[in-house]
Amino acid sequence: MSTASIQSQLDTVFSQQETNQFGTQRYELMFKPGSYSGLNANIGFYTSIAGLVATPTTSSSTAATSLWNAGWFGGAPPRTFWRSTENFSVTPPAGTAYERWAVAQAAPMAGWTSTPTSA
């Protein structure tokens, strides 16, 4: 699947789930082992993104993996829950020293590594 197709799927799910705090839809987006570059993965309510790997370094993203605050609610982390991500190694874009996971509850981030880049 091309990067554009993956990004389109990520965007479609996020547009449905960004403000869907009490909805009934659930999504699990799974990535095969490999390297994914140039993706911007926002995660909405009731959405999980996972690498199908034994260790996080087997599935990696050199991406602007933008994380996941409640932009629709003034960026308030207490309104950001019921989402998860696991088994990824992320390299943020140059000049970005960290990934942000601003959440309140029920939002596990497991099996992650983040490798800073130099500016």
N, C-alpha and C. Protein backbone atom coordinates (compact mmCIF):
# COMPACT_ATOMS: atom_id res chain seq x y z
N MET A 1 0.85 -1.17 0.00
CA MET A 1 0.00 0.00 0.00
C MET A 1 0.90 1.24 0.00
N SER A 2 0.58 2.19 -0.81
CA SER A 2 1.41 3.39 -0.93
C SER A 2 1.26 4.29 0.31
N THR A 3 2.24 5.15 0.50
CA THR A 3 2.18 6.12 1.61
C THR A 3 0.94 6.98 1.50
N ALA A 4 0.60 7.40 0.29
CA ALA A 4 -0.60 8.23 0.10
C ALA A 4 -1.87 7.48 0.51
N SER A 5 -1.95 6.20 0.18
CA SER A 5 -3.11 5.39 0.55
C SER A 5 -3.20 5.22 2.07
N ILE A 6 -2.07 4.96 2.69
CA ILE A 6 -2.04 4.82 4.15
C ILE A 6 -2.46 6.13 4.81
N GLN A 7 -1.90 7.25 4.32
CA GLN A 7 -2.24 8.55 4.89
C GLN A 7 -3.73 8.85 4.72
N SER A 8 -4.28 8.50 3.57
CA SER A 8 -5.69 8.71 3.32
C SER A 8 -6.55 7.93 4.32
N GLN A 9 -6.16 6.68 4.57
CA GLN A 9 -6.91 5.87 5.54
C GLN A 9 -6.80 6.45 6.95
N LEU A 10 -5.59 6.86 7.35
CA LEU A 10 -5.40 7.49 8.65
C LEU A 10 -6.27 8.74 8.78
N ASP A 11 -6.27 9.57 7.74
CA ASP A 11 -7.06 10.81 7.76
C ASP A 11 -8.56 10.54 7.83
N THR A 12 -9.01 9.54 7.08
CA THR A 12 -10.43 9.20 7.07
C THR A 12 -10.90 8.76 8.45
N VAL A 13 -10.15 7.86 9.07
CA VAL A 13 -10.52 7.38 10.40
C VAL A 13 -10.48 8.53 11.41
N PHE A 14 -9.43 9.35 11.35
CA PHE A 14 -9.33 10.46 12.31
C PHE A 14 -10.47 11.46 12.13
N SER A 15 -10.84 11.76 10.89
CA SER A 15 -11.93 12.73 10.69
C SER A 15 -13.24 12.21 11.27
N GLN A 16 -13.43 10.90 11.29
CA GLN A 16 -14.63 10.31 11.89
C GLN A 16 -14.55 10.26 13.40
N GLN A 17 -13.33 10.06 13.93
CA GLN A 17 -13.18 9.78 15.36
C GLN A 17 -12.67 10.94 16.19
N GLU A 18 -12.22 12.01 15.56
CA GLU A 18 -11.61 13.12 16.32
C GLU A 18 -12.52 13.62 17.44
N THR A 19 -13.78 13.82 17.17
CA THR A 19 -14.71 14.34 18.18
C THR A 19 -15.77 13.31 18.58
N ASN A 20 -15.57 12.07 18.22
CA ASN A 20 -16.57 11.02 18.42
C ASN A 20 -16.46 10.41 19.82
N GLN A 21 -16.51 11.25 20.82
CA GLN A 21 -16.27 10.85 22.20
C GLN A 21 -17.23 9.76 22.69
N PHE A 22 -18.46 9.79 22.26
CA PHE A 22 -19.44 8.83 22.75
C PHE A 22 -20.01 7.95 21.62
N GLY A 23 -19.27 7.85 20.53
CA GLY A 23 -19.72 7.07 19.39
C GLY A 23 -19.56 5.58 19.60
N THR A 24 -20.09 4.81 18.68
CA THR A 24 -20.01 3.35 18.76
C THR A 24 -18.98 2.75 17.81
N GLN A 25 -18.39 3.55 16.92
CA GLN A 25 -17.39 3.04 15.97
C GLN A 25 -16.07 2.78 16.69
N ARG A 26 -15.39 1.71 16.26
CA ARG A 26 -14.08 1.34 16.80
C ARG A 26 -13.16 1.02 15.63
N TYR A 27 -11.88 1.45 15.73
CA TYR A 27 -10.92 1.19 14.66
C TYR A 27 -9.61 0.68 15.23
N GLU A 28 -9.02 -0.29 14.54
CA GLU A 28 -7.68 -0.79 14.82
C GLU A 28 -6.93 -0.74 13.50
N LEU A 29 -5.91 0.10 13.42
CA LEU A 29 -5.09 0.24 12.22
C LEU A 29 -3.76 -0.46 12.49
N MET A 30 -3.46 -1.49 11.71
CA MET A 30 -2.28 -2.31 11.97
C MET A 30 -1.28 -2.17 10.83
N PHE A 31 -0.01 -2.09 11.23
CA PHE A 31 1.09 -1.92 10.28
C PHE A 31 1.96 -3.16 10.27
N LYS A 32 2.19 -3.68 9.06
CA LYS A 32 3.13 -4.78 8.90
C LYS A 32 4.54 -4.29 9.23
N PRO A 33 5.46 -5.20 9.56
CA PRO A 33 6.85 -4.80 9.77
C PRO A 33 7.37 -4.05 8.55
N GLY A 34 8.09 -2.99 8.80
CA GLY A 34 8.64 -2.20 7.71
C GLY A 34 8.90 -0.78 8.14
N SER A 35 9.31 0.04 7.21
CA SER A 35 9.59 1.44 7.47
C SER A 35 8.56 2.29 6.74
N TYR A 36 7.93 3.19 7.48
CA TYR A 36 6.90 4.07 6.93
C TYR A 36 7.40 5.50 7.07
N SER A 37 7.46 6.20 5.98
CA SER A 37 8.02 7.55 5.99
C SER A 37 6.97 8.55 5.52
N GLY A 38 6.94 9.71 6.20
CA GLY A 38 6.10 10.80 5.76
C GLY A 38 4.65 10.73 6.20
N LEU A 39 4.34 9.89 7.19
CA LEU A 39 2.96 9.79 7.66
C LEU A 39 2.71 10.75 8.82
N ASN A 40 1.49 11.23 8.87
CA ASN A 40 1.05 12.07 9.98
C ASN A 40 -0.13 11.35 10.62
N ALA A 41 0.14 10.64 11.70
CA ALA A 41 -0.87 9.77 12.30
C ALA A 41 -1.52 10.42 13.51
N ASN A 42 -2.66 11.03 13.28
CA ASN A 42 -3.47 11.51 14.39
C ASN A 42 -4.36 10.36 14.83
N ILE A 43 -4.63 10.28 16.12
CA ILE A 43 -5.43 9.19 16.65
C ILE A 43 -6.62 9.78 17.38
N GLY A 44 -7.81 9.45 16.91
CA GLY A 44 -9.04 9.93 17.53
C GLY A 44 -9.57 8.96 18.57
N PHE A 45 -10.75 9.26 19.07
CA PHE A 45 -11.40 8.40 20.06
C PHE A 45 -11.58 6.99 19.51
N TYR A 46 -11.46 5.99 20.38
CA TYR A 46 -11.72 4.59 20.05
C TYR A 46 -10.94 4.12 18.83
N THR A 47 -9.68 4.55 18.76
CA THR A 47 -8.80 4.16 17.66
C THR A 47 -7.50 3.65 18.23
N SER A 48 -7.02 2.54 17.70
CA SER A 48 -5.72 1.99 18.08
C SER A 48 -4.88 1.86 16.82
N ILE A 49 -3.61 2.17 16.96
CA ILE A 49 -2.65 1.99 15.88
C ILE A 49 -1.55 1.10 16.43
N ALA A 50 -1.26 0.02 15.71
CA ALA A 50 -0.29 -0.95 16.22
C ALA A 50 0.61 -1.47 15.12
N GLY A 51 1.86 -1.69 15.48
CA GLY A 51 2.79 -2.39 14.60
C GLY A 51 2.67 -3.88 14.89
N LEU A 52 2.51 -4.69 13.88
CA LEU A 52 2.38 -6.14 14.04
C LEU A 52 3.77 -6.77 14.10
N VAL A 53 4.45 -6.52 15.19
CA VAL A 53 5.85 -6.89 15.31
C VAL A 53 6.14 -7.42 16.71
N ALA A 54 7.27 -8.12 16.86
CA ALA A 54 7.68 -8.61 18.16
C ALA A 54 8.36 -7.53 18.99
N THR A 55 9.07 -6.61 18.31
CA THR A 55 9.74 -5.51 19.00
C THR A 55 9.45 -4.21 18.26
N PRO A 56 9.43 -3.09 18.97
CA PRO A 56 9.08 -1.82 18.32
C PRO A 56 9.99 -1.43 17.18
N THR A 57 11.24 -1.83 17.21
CA THR A 57 12.17 -1.40 16.16
C THR A 57 11.93 -2.12 14.84
N THR A 58 11.06 -3.10 14.81
CA THR A 58 10.76 -3.82 13.57
C THR A 58 9.80 -3.06 12.68
N SER A 59 9.00 -2.20 13.27
CA SER A 59 8.08 -1.36 12.49
C SER A 59 8.38 0.08 12.85
N SER A 60 8.82 0.86 11.87
CA SER A 60 9.27 2.19 12.22
C SER A 60 8.67 3.24 11.31
N SER A 61 8.64 4.46 11.83
CA SER A 61 8.12 5.59 11.08
C SER A 61 9.11 6.73 11.19
N THR A 62 9.55 7.22 10.07
CA THR A 62 10.35 8.45 10.05
C THR A 62 9.38 9.52 9.59
N ALA A 63 8.50 9.88 10.49
CA ALA A 63 7.33 10.64 10.08
C ALA A 63 7.05 11.80 11.02
N ALA A 64 6.23 12.68 10.52
CA ALA A 64 5.65 13.70 11.37
C ALA A 64 4.45 13.04 12.05
N THR A 65 4.74 12.25 13.04
CA THR A 65 3.67 11.53 13.72
C THR A 65 3.07 12.48 14.74
N SER A 66 2.12 13.25 14.29
CA SER A 66 1.59 14.29 15.13
C SER A 66 0.71 13.66 16.17
N LEU A 67 0.86 14.10 17.36
CA LEU A 67 0.22 13.42 18.48
C LEU A 67 -0.66 14.38 19.23
N TRP A 68 -1.76 14.20 19.16
CA TRP A 68 -2.90 13.49 19.55
C TRP A 68 -3.40 14.18 20.78
N ASN A 69 -3.52 15.47 20.67
CA ASN A 69 -4.23 16.18 21.74
C ASN A 69 -5.61 16.53 21.21
N ALA A 70 -6.46 16.96 22.10
CA ALA A 70 -7.85 17.25 21.70
C ALA A 70 -7.91 18.63 21.08
N GLY A 71 -7.42 18.76 19.86
CA GLY A 71 -7.44 20.04 19.17
C GLY A 71 -8.84 20.59 19.02
N TRP A 72 -9.80 19.70 18.92
CA TRP A 72 -11.20 20.11 18.76
C TRP A 72 -11.76 20.69 20.05
N PHE A 73 -11.09 20.49 21.17
CA PHE A 73 -11.58 20.98 22.47
C PHE A 73 -10.51 21.87 23.11
N GLY A 74 -9.91 22.72 22.31
CA GLY A 74 -8.89 23.63 22.82
C GLY A 74 -7.62 22.94 23.28
N GLY A 75 -7.38 21.73 22.80
CA GLY A 75 -6.16 21.01 23.16
C GLY A 75 -6.16 20.49 24.58
N ALA A 76 -7.31 20.31 25.20
CA ALA A 76 -7.40 19.89 26.60
C ALA A 76 -7.18 18.39 26.75
N PRO A 77 -6.03 17.97 27.31
CA PRO A 77 -5.79 16.54 27.50
C PRO A 77 -6.88 15.81 28.27
N PRO A 78 -7.60 16.44 29.22
CA PRO A 78 -8.66 15.68 29.90
C PRO A 78 -9.76 15.20 28.96
N ARG A 79 -9.83 15.73 27.76
CA ARG A 79 -10.82 15.28 26.78
C ARG A 79 -10.22 14.32 25.77
N THR A 80 -9.04 13.81 26.06
CA THR A 80 -8.33 12.95 25.11
C THR A 80 -8.12 11.59 25.75
N PHE A 81 -8.98 10.65 25.39
CA PHE A 81 -8.87 9.31 25.94
C PHE A 81 -9.48 8.29 24.99
N TRP A 82 -9.44 7.02 25.40
CA TRP A 82 -9.94 5.91 24.58
C TRP A 82 -9.22 5.81 23.24
N ARG A 83 -7.91 5.86 23.28
CA ARG A 83 -7.08 5.67 22.09
C ARG A 83 -5.80 4.97 22.53
N SER A 84 -5.11 4.32 21.62
CA SER A 84 -3.88 3.64 22.00
C SER A 84 -2.96 3.49 20.80
N THR A 85 -1.70 3.25 21.12
CA THR A 85 -0.70 2.97 20.10
C THR A 85 0.35 2.06 20.70
N GLU A 86 0.87 1.15 19.90
CA GLU A 86 1.88 0.23 20.42
C GLU A 86 2.76 -0.31 19.30
N ASN A 87 3.97 -0.72 19.73
CA ASN A 87 4.93 -1.38 18.86
C ASN A 87 5.39 -0.56 17.67
N PHE A 88 5.89 0.63 17.95
CA PHE A 88 6.47 1.47 16.91
C PHE A 88 7.78 2.08 17.40
N SER A 89 8.65 2.32 16.45
CA SER A 89 9.84 3.12 16.66
C SER A 89 9.67 4.35 15.79
N VAL A 90 9.67 5.52 16.40
CA VAL A 90 9.38 6.76 15.68
C VAL A 90 10.59 7.67 15.69
N THR A 91 10.91 8.22 14.54
CA THR A 91 11.92 9.26 14.43
C THR A 91 11.20 10.53 14.01
N PRO A 92 11.06 11.48 14.95
CA PRO A 92 10.36 12.73 14.61
C PRO A 92 11.10 13.49 13.51
N PRO A 93 10.41 14.39 12.83
CA PRO A 93 11.06 15.19 11.80
C PRO A 93 12.22 16.01 12.37
N ALA A 94 13.18 16.34 11.52
CA ALA A 94 14.32 17.16 11.95
C ALA A 94 13.83 18.41 12.67
N GLY A 95 14.48 18.72 13.78
CA GLY A 95 14.13 19.90 14.56
C GLY A 95 13.05 19.64 15.60
N THR A 96 12.50 18.43 15.63
CA THR A 96 11.50 18.07 16.62
C THR A 96 12.15 17.11 17.60
N ALA A 97 12.23 17.50 18.84
CA ALA A 97 12.97 16.71 19.82
C ALA A 97 12.12 15.65 20.50
N TYR A 98 10.82 15.67 20.33
CA TYR A 98 9.97 14.74 21.06
C TYR A 98 8.66 14.49 20.34
N GLU A 99 7.98 13.47 20.76
CA GLU A 99 6.61 13.19 20.36
C GLU A 99 5.72 13.57 21.53
N ARG A 100 4.52 13.99 21.27
CA ARG A 100 3.61 14.41 22.32
C ARG A 100 2.45 13.43 22.40
N TRP A 101 2.19 12.95 23.60
CA TRP A 101 1.07 12.05 23.84
C TRP A 101 0.29 12.66 24.99
N ALA A 102 -0.51 13.66 24.69
CA ALA A 102 -1.26 14.41 25.70
C ALA A 102 -2.63 13.76 25.88
N VAL A 103 -2.76 12.97 26.93
CA VAL A 103 -3.99 12.24 27.16
C VAL A 103 -4.35 12.25 28.65
N ALA A 104 -5.55 11.85 28.94
CA ALA A 104 -6.01 11.83 30.32
C ALA A 104 -6.05 10.41 30.88
N GLN A 105 -6.77 9.52 30.24
CA GLN A 105 -6.95 8.17 30.77
C GLN A 105 -7.25 7.22 29.62
N ALA A 106 -7.19 5.94 29.92
CA ALA A 106 -7.52 4.91 28.95
C ALA A 106 -6.84 5.15 27.61
N ALA A 107 -5.56 5.48 27.64
CA ALA A 107 -4.83 5.80 26.42
C ALA A 107 -3.41 5.24 26.48
N PRO A 108 -3.28 3.92 26.45
CA PRO A 108 -1.94 3.35 26.57
C PRO A 108 -1.06 3.62 25.35
N MET A 109 0.21 3.78 25.66
CA MET A 109 1.25 3.92 24.65
C MET A 109 2.31 2.89 25.04
N ALA A 110 2.29 1.75 24.41
CA ALA A 110 3.14 0.64 24.83
C ALA A 110 4.11 0.25 23.74
N GLY A 111 5.30 -0.19 24.14
CA GLY A 111 6.27 -0.70 23.19
C GLY A 111 6.73 0.33 22.19
N TRP A 112 7.00 1.54 22.64
CA TRP A 112 7.41 2.64 21.75
C TRP A 112 8.85 3.01 22.00
N THR A 113 9.54 3.38 20.94
CA THR A 113 10.82 4.07 21.07
C THR A 113 10.74 5.31 20.19
N SER A 114 11.40 6.36 20.64
CA SER A 114 11.45 7.60 19.85
C SER A 114 12.89 8.04 19.77
N THR A 115 13.38 8.24 18.57
CA THR A 115 14.76 8.62 18.35
C THR A 115 14.81 10.06 17.86
N PRO A 116 15.32 10.99 18.71
CA PRO A 116 15.38 12.39 18.26
C PRO A 116 16.31 12.56 17.07
N THR A 117 16.01 13.54 16.25
CA THR A 117 16.88 13.88 15.14
C THR A 117 17.61 15.18 15.47
N SER A 118 18.67 15.43 14.78
CA SER A 118 19.37 16.70 14.98
C SER A 118 18.76 17.74 14.06
N ALA A 119 18.85 18.98 14.49
CA ALA A 119 18.23 20.09 13.71
C ALA A 119 18.97 20.32 12.44
